[in-house]
Amino acid sequence: MRNPKSAASLLIARAKSLHLHNHHTRHRVSSSSSSTSTPLFNFHHLLSSRRHAPSLIPTRLFSSYYSLEQFSDDEYECDFENHQASSTVANVDEWKWKLSMLLRNDKDQEIVSRDRKDRRDYEQIANLAKRMGLYSELFGKVVVASKVPLPNYRPDLDDKRPQREVVIPLSLQRRVEGLLQEYLDRLQLNSAKITDSLDDGSSNNQVKDVEMDENADSFVDESVMEKVLQKRSLRMRNMQRAWQESPEGRMMLEFRKSLPSFKEKQGLLQAIAHNQVIVISGETGCGKTTQLPQYVLESEIESGRGAFCSIICTQPRRISAMAVAERVSAERGEPLGETVGFKVRLEGMKGKNTHLLFCTSGILLRRLLSDRNLNGITHVFVDEIHERGMNEDFLLIVLKDLLPRRRDLRLVLMSATLNAELFSNYFGAAPTFHIPGFTYPVRAHFLEDILEMTGYKLTSFNQIDDYGQEKLWKTQKQLAPRKRKNQITALVEDALSKSNFENYSSRARDSLASWSPDCIGFNLIEAVLCHICRKERPGAVLVFMTGWEDISSLRDQLKAHPLLGDPNRILLLTCHGSMATSEQKLIFERPPPNIRKVILATNMAEASITINDIVFVVDCGKAKETTYDALNNTPCLLPSWISQASARQRRGRAGRVQPGECYHLYPKCVYEAFSEYQLPELLRTPLNSLCLQIKSLQVESIGEFLSAALQAPEPRTVQNAIDFLKMIGALDEKESLTNLGKFLSMLPVDPKLGKMLIMGAIFRCFDPVLTIVSGLSVRDPFLLPQDKRDLAGTAKSRFSAKDYSDHMALVRAYEGWKDAEREGSAYEYCWRNFLSAQTLQAIHSLRKQFSFILKDAGLVDTDTSIINKLSHNQSLVRAIICSGLFPGIVSVVHRETSMSFKTMDDGQVLLYANSVNARYQTIPYPWLVFGEKVKVNAVFIRDSTGVSDSTLILFGGALSNGIQAGHLKMLDGYIDFFMDPSLSDCYLKLKEELNKLIQKKLEDPSVDIHKEGKYLMLAVQELISGDQCEGRFVFGRDSRKPKASNDENKFTKDGTNPKSLLQTLLMRAGHSPPKYKTKHLKTNEFRALVEFKGMQFVGKPKRNKQLAERDAAIEALAWLTHTSDNNQHEDDKSPPDVTDNMLKLLGKRRKSSKRRHN
């Protein structure tokens, strides 16, 4: 992709224009001098120039493609300004040719350049690449142009990526090697014994057991069972008729008849009876959620088939499943848990006579994993399909696949919006039904109307949302000018540019000109609430916010207000996904007279629940939505504008009981620019858990399965999930479930947390790991009230006890709560330590659920003393945390006054302020493991735990050997470990045997690996407990495999001795002579290692010691004259640029600043 002729002439022209002011000499540049110079000559030239002409420093020209004699900075500076413009034009012309060649070349995907003139001209190069349909990025000092999109960070181009020199005490290494050898010796001895004692008896026994299981069918005759069900059906009909004829039943029936859905009852029942799939859309308040499943149940009971009927109705959220079940059971005059029940994670009320079950979509999916045909289920209702949650879209794929096998099954899809055609077409033009709702008229007030009505004036300062002292950065960020548009501001600018507000006052127009769409508008919401409370009629107010953080901050601000914080006038409540049951009931109850209810809610209040006394709605127009950047493999949590459908849903909440008012805190023109519907969750979240569930359905190809979705996710997102599952060992290379993957699919938790749980059970430190996994599966139990954030942070740090671990802090907080609960002081304990009692109770419930699943799988012993035998070993608990959270790895590099954190996907990251590790000035561990990261303005790491080198090497990902002895690589070479070769051999063997032992346990959970692998387990514990993190981070070591070269001929021609040459060069550079170590591999085979200035180079095996040392010297000389892989083309015959490595040897750095003459 180079044009040698034009490039050479360009460089010759540039060289002729340069003059030496100090010495009045001119260096000639010609193709002949360039072709005859050698790396060795350049090295001698460098040493000579260092001694005699300090002003001469080597400068790289034209991306190392051509070797030219060097010029001083002073010489170059003379005509720099005169030639810069012409140089840029020539450089861009050269890039135009290079990019054209890249487009024509099918093999190459990108051009990589480290030339500083390309960095100087990057803006022009980037514009050129964009016009040619290519992508470009500047990674530090490296310019890349590519045919495919480029990520934000490239670890292969980062000279400061983590490279770790691992050091442990030699005595520790010897003890570990002794234990490992003891294990290997005993293993060999046991293998010999087992081979001698093998017999075939066990296989015969297994056959007999299978035969017994196959014959163990139900002894109940089918005809007898049918008679039992008929009697039950008759009893159900009599009970239903008795209720309907009672005074309470007649009153309830009258209310139900007033709902719009009642008018469509008969038509709906006929449509369901005659069609396998039907799609129903209904406006808010029409009664579709509570009435339609009930109509089917009543119809089946009345026809005498009640006991044969089994209906499941899914809801996207647990709160709605519980609330709807409670309402329907009340309408039937029955206690909850009889005919009507519910099942959500950790809670449920249902019995053997439950025939209508309300549950979350996840509960039905778990059932489908074990019962793919849904045996016994007659009807499935999937509600709120318009929300397009990931579970709902996944459920539709599975149900669509199930329908041909279950012709008797009836599927009813229900949506609150008029997008039924999309779902109808997905199910082969399934019939649609629309139920018109009855709502009172709702008057919409947009921002321009609100400003005109209230007289409120927006300024640049009163729109700053106050997030408290602890999140001062978030408050200050609103003042900083934005360098680039985001999704929020881009939509607003486009919408406002096409609108005018001539019908509004100049005061309102001035306010609109000052409006900041990035802010939520706490002060504006406060002003609107004051207006409603002082001037509007009675009625509850529903305020839609983006998330819990904004809700809690606004709640704290409103509580400090003289009117809105007065409990005698305002009942201030919150509504979010993890509410306590007692709190849920409060939002549905009417407040006492003369008290106005104000509810701060997330978008879950749009459709999942109905609060009947709402008259006023305040809509901020935003929702905090998780999106997924597949290219950078990073989740992003950013506020974004809602869809028009969501805005209508929010507005509709106000017209349930009387005419309502909706205050939209954005202009009408912005609303008209909203997208019509929200992007499906399947297209904006990582798919790790989903892909694992798909494989547990015994699907051949994950990609093919997901291509059948309503809207298929991006292939890169699917591949990222598959790669992750392979990395943690859940899938093999053929995308088949491994033994670990099968166990993980049983656990209703993220795969990485499931792996941590399984490893905790295997290594007998189950209890603390059980608490950690349960805690990471729910909301953070550590509360951070706005006015006491410092105290709350200090309380959390006390739980950490300088363990540098958020996870260990969680364990201690939970254990303290359990002790306090036994003493009857749990409430006081939570209040004193800023802990959520509700979350701790949820952790307690999850612990029971996970324990039951693993006991059922045979991985957990009923004897708690056995499974917790090593729970006291904190180093082992850290190792288990590492095994589960990998590849969530952060390197911790200490600078003079701060620390730098890096990940493989993101480069530089930050720790969340509420992490205990964010409070420390130094962290003694070289690595942090984390489970969750999110991109807000930067990439933030949530909970983290410090781990040692040995912990990461043994319990992290797969290892591979580097090019040198003692060089190990992890994460495709992103992390390099350098150590003594004997230590690397010890690590590799220990990890290999440990993985074999874990696989043996997963294959047969009854195996006691702590008995069979006693000495191996002792070796592991000894190593991870004894590693004191004595190593260090180094940078710039060339860990890549060099290209094949004729190094031996290069450094031995004319009878040159490579050992003597290397020593001469080192001595001239002011260093000690190199040291050689030789290892006798086997008969007539030796390998040598040469070491100087902290660097080691290993030669190839040779037939004697002298040749081995000679080859090691050649490897070192090759490195000194080795060109970067990114700059040197494989077929490039020009001499390499040796500047970087030689300067590294001399302990000298290039200076980018120009030197001036005196």
Foldseek 3Di string as FASTA:
>chain_A
DADVVVQLVVVQVLQVVFADPPPRDGDHWDPVVQQPDFLVNVLVVQLVCVVPPVQWAADDPDLFLIDTDGDGLFRCVPCVVVCLVVVLVSVLVRLLVVVVVQVVDPPDFKAKGLHQNCVVNVVVSQVSLVVVQWHWDCAPRMIMIGNDYAAPHALVPDLFFFAWAADFDPVLVVLLVVLLVVLVVVVVVVVVVCVVPDDDVVVVVVVVVVVVVVPPDDPDDPVNVVVVLLVVLLVLLVLQVVQCPDPVLVVLVVVVCVALVVVCLVVLVVLQQVFQEEEEAEAPRNCCLQPVVVSVLNVCSNVSNNSLAAEEEADQAPLLQVVSQCVNCVSSVHHEAACTKEDEPLDIRHDPRHRYYYYHLVVVLLVCLVVVQPPSHQEYEYEACQQQEPSSLLVVLSVLVNCVVCVRHHYYYYHHDDPRVLVCVLNPNRHYYYRYGDFAAAAEAEQLNLCQVLVDAAALPQLQQDLFDLVVVNSVVSVDDDPDDDQQVVLVVVLVVPDDDVVGDPRSVNRVVRDDLQGLRLPSVVSVVVCCLPPHDAFAEEEEDADDSSVLSSVVVLCPDPQSVDQVAEDEAEEERLDDPVSSVVQQDDDDPNHYYYYYYYLCQLRSDARQGAAEYEYSQWYFDWFADLSLRFIATEIHGAALVSVVSRSRSNGRHYHHYYYYHHDPSSNVSGHHGDDRPQAGDACQLVLLSVLSSVDQDSQVSQVSGSDRYDPSSVVVNLVVCVFLPQAPPSRHGALLSVLQNLDPAGSLLSQLQLVLLLLLLRVLSLLLSLCVRDPNFQAQRNVCNVQLLVLLLVLCVLQQFSSSSSSSLLVVLVVCVVVVNNVVSCVNNRGDPSSSVSSVSSSVVVVVSCVVVLSHDPPSCRSNVCSVQVLVSVLSNQLSQPPQKWFWADDPFATFIQHNSAGTEEEDSSESNNPDRDRQAGMKGARHWYQYPGIYTYTIGGFHPLSCLQRYGDWDAFPAQQWIADPVRSYIYHYHNVSVVSSVSLSVVVVVLVSVCSVPVVDNSCVSSVSSSVSSSSVRVSRSRPMHTDGSDPRHDADDDPLVCVQCPPNHQLQVVQQVSLVSLVFHRWDKDKDDPDQQWIKMWIDTPRDIFIFHIGRDDSVRVSRSSSRVVCLQQPADPSSDDPPSSGGGDNSPSSCVSSVHDDDPDRDHDD
